[in-house]
Amino acid sequence: MSAATGRTATVRGRQLRIGAGHYSLSQKSLQAARRWLDRQGVTVRDHTLKETA
């Protein structure tokens, strides 16, 4: 199974974007998906806005 054609996925909040697909996931599911994608050699970039202290 191929995870992504570009070998890069993006996370924004709780949404995972792979190619043209956008998937809303729970925090726990997102964490598991990120680990699985990493094991498949897919770079996962987090574009979630961080709060400043």
N, C-alpha and C. Protein backbone atom coordinates (compact mmCIF):
# COMPACT_ATOMS: atom_id res chain seq x y z
N MET A 1 0.84 -1.17 0.00
CA MET A 1 0.00 0.00 0.00
C MET A 1 0.88 1.24 0.00
N SER A 2 0.60 2.16 -0.87
CA SER A 2 1.36 3.41 -0.93
C SER A 2 0.68 4.45 -0.06
N ALA A 3 1.45 5.09 0.81
CA ALA A 3 0.87 6.06 1.73
C ALA A 3 0.71 7.43 1.09
N ALA A 4 1.68 7.87 0.32
CA ALA A 4 1.62 9.20 -0.29
C ALA A 4 2.54 9.24 -1.50
N THR A 5 2.07 9.92 -2.54
CA THR A 5 2.89 10.01 -3.74
C THR A 5 4.07 10.93 -3.52
N GLY A 6 3.88 12.04 -2.80
CA GLY A 6 4.96 12.99 -2.57
C GLY A 6 5.82 12.65 -1.38
N ARG A 7 5.45 11.61 -0.65
CA ARG A 7 6.18 11.18 0.54
C ARG A 7 6.19 12.24 1.62
N THR A 8 5.23 13.16 1.57
CA THR A 8 5.11 14.19 2.60
C THR A 8 3.63 14.33 2.98
N ALA A 9 3.37 14.41 4.27
CA ALA A 9 2.03 14.65 4.77
C ALA A 9 2.08 15.89 5.66
N THR A 10 0.96 16.56 5.80
CA THR A 10 0.89 17.78 6.59
C THR A 10 -0.18 17.64 7.67
N VAL A 11 0.12 18.14 8.86
CA VAL A 11 -0.84 18.15 9.96
C VAL A 11 -1.16 19.61 10.28
N ARG A 12 -2.45 19.91 10.36
CA ARG A 12 -2.92 21.23 10.80
C ARG A 12 -4.02 20.97 11.82
N GLY A 13 -3.70 21.27 13.08
CA GLY A 13 -4.66 20.96 14.15
C GLY A 13 -4.85 19.47 14.23
N ARG A 14 -6.07 19.00 14.01
CA ARG A 14 -6.37 17.57 14.02
C ARG A 14 -6.68 17.05 12.64
N GLN A 15 -6.24 17.77 11.61
CA GLN A 15 -6.49 17.35 10.24
C GLN A 15 -5.19 16.88 9.59
N LEU A 16 -5.24 15.70 9.00
CA LEU A 16 -4.09 15.13 8.30
C LEU A 16 -4.34 15.30 6.81
N ARG A 17 -3.36 15.88 6.13
CA ARG A 17 -3.47 16.09 4.68
C ARG A 17 -2.40 15.26 3.98
N ILE A 18 -2.87 14.39 3.09
CA ILE A 18 -1.97 13.56 2.30
C ILE A 18 -2.41 13.71 0.85
N GLY A 19 -1.57 14.33 0.04
CA GLY A 19 -1.95 14.59 -1.35
C GLY A 19 -3.19 15.44 -1.38
N ALA A 20 -4.22 15.00 -2.10
CA ALA A 20 -5.48 15.74 -2.19
C ALA A 20 -6.45 15.35 -1.07
N GLY A 21 -6.08 14.37 -0.24
CA GLY A 21 -6.96 13.90 0.82
C GLY A 21 -6.80 14.69 2.10
N HIS A 22 -7.93 14.99 2.75
CA HIS A 22 -7.95 15.69 4.04
C HIS A 22 -8.75 14.83 5.00
N TYR A 23 -8.13 14.47 6.14
CA TYR A 23 -8.76 13.56 7.08
C TYR A 23 -8.78 14.16 8.48
N SER A 24 -9.97 14.33 9.05
CA SER A 24 -10.11 14.81 10.42
C SER A 24 -10.01 13.61 11.35
N LEU A 25 -9.09 13.68 12.31
CA LEU A 25 -8.84 12.57 13.21
C LEU A 25 -8.85 13.03 14.66
N SER A 26 -9.12 12.09 15.56
CA SER A 26 -8.97 12.38 16.98
C SER A 26 -7.48 12.51 17.26
N GLN A 27 -7.14 13.08 18.40
CA GLN A 27 -5.74 13.28 18.74
C GLN A 27 -4.99 11.95 18.81
N LYS A 28 -5.62 10.94 19.39
CA LYS A 28 -4.98 9.63 19.52
C LYS A 28 -4.81 8.96 18.14
N SER A 29 -5.81 9.07 17.29
CA SER A 29 -5.72 8.49 15.94
C SER A 29 -4.67 9.21 15.11
N LEU A 30 -4.59 10.53 15.27
CA LEU A 30 -3.60 11.31 14.53
C LEU A 30 -2.19 10.90 14.94
N GLN A 31 -1.99 10.69 16.23
CA GLN A 31 -0.68 10.27 16.74
C GLN A 31 -0.29 8.91 16.15
N ALA A 32 -1.23 7.99 16.10
CA ALA A 32 -0.96 6.66 15.54
C ALA A 32 -0.67 6.76 14.04
N ALA A 33 -1.43 7.59 13.34
CA ALA A 33 -1.21 7.77 11.89
C ALA A 33 0.16 8.37 11.62
N ARG A 34 0.56 9.33 12.43
CA ARG A 34 1.88 9.95 12.25
C ARG A 34 2.99 8.92 12.44
N ARG A 35 2.86 8.07 13.46
CA ARG A 35 3.86 7.03 13.70
C ARG A 35 3.91 6.05 12.53
N TRP A 36 2.74 5.65 12.02
CA TRP A 36 2.69 4.71 10.91
C TRP A 36 3.31 5.33 9.65
N LEU A 37 2.95 6.58 9.35
CA LEU A 37 3.51 7.25 8.18
C LEU A 37 5.02 7.39 8.29
N ASP A 38 5.51 7.70 9.49
CA ASP A 38 6.96 7.82 9.71
C ASP A 38 7.66 6.50 9.42
N ARG A 39 7.07 5.40 9.86
CA ARG A 39 7.65 4.07 9.60
C ARG A 39 7.65 3.74 8.11
N GLN A 40 6.73 4.33 7.35
CA GLN A 40 6.66 4.10 5.91
C GLN A 40 7.59 5.02 5.13
N GLY A 41 8.30 5.91 5.84
CA GLY A 41 9.23 6.81 5.18
C GLY A 41 8.61 8.11 4.70
N VAL A 42 7.41 8.41 5.21
CA VAL A 42 6.72 9.64 4.81
C VAL A 42 7.06 10.74 5.82
N THR A 43 7.49 11.89 5.33
CA THR A 43 7.78 13.03 6.19
C THR A 43 6.46 13.68 6.60
N VAL A 44 6.25 13.87 7.90
CA VAL A 44 5.03 14.50 8.40
C VAL A 44 5.41 15.87 8.94
N ARG A 45 4.86 16.89 8.34
CA ARG A 45 5.13 18.27 8.76
C ARG A 45 3.95 18.79 9.56
N ASP A 46 4.24 19.38 10.70
CA ASP A 46 3.21 19.93 11.58
C ASP A 46 3.12 21.43 11.35
N HIS A 47 1.97 21.89 10.84
CA HIS A 47 1.75 23.31 10.60
C HIS A 47 0.70 23.86 11.57
N THR A 48 0.54 23.20 12.71
CA THR A 48 -0.39 23.65 13.73
C THR A 48 0.18 24.91 14.38
N LEU A 49 -0.67 25.92 14.53
CA LEU A 49 -0.22 27.15 15.17
C LEU A 49 0.08 26.89 16.63
N LYS A 50 1.25 27.30 17.07
CA LYS A 50 1.64 27.12 18.48
C LYS A 50 1.28 28.39 19.25
N GLU A 51 0.80 28.18 20.47
CA GLU A 51 0.50 29.32 21.34
C GLU A 51 1.81 29.86 21.91
N THR A 52 1.92 31.18 21.97
CA THR A 52 3.12 31.79 22.56
C THR A 52 2.82 32.10 24.02
N ALA A 53 3.80 31.92 24.88
CA ALA A 53 3.62 32.12 26.32
C ALA A 53 3.64 33.58 26.68
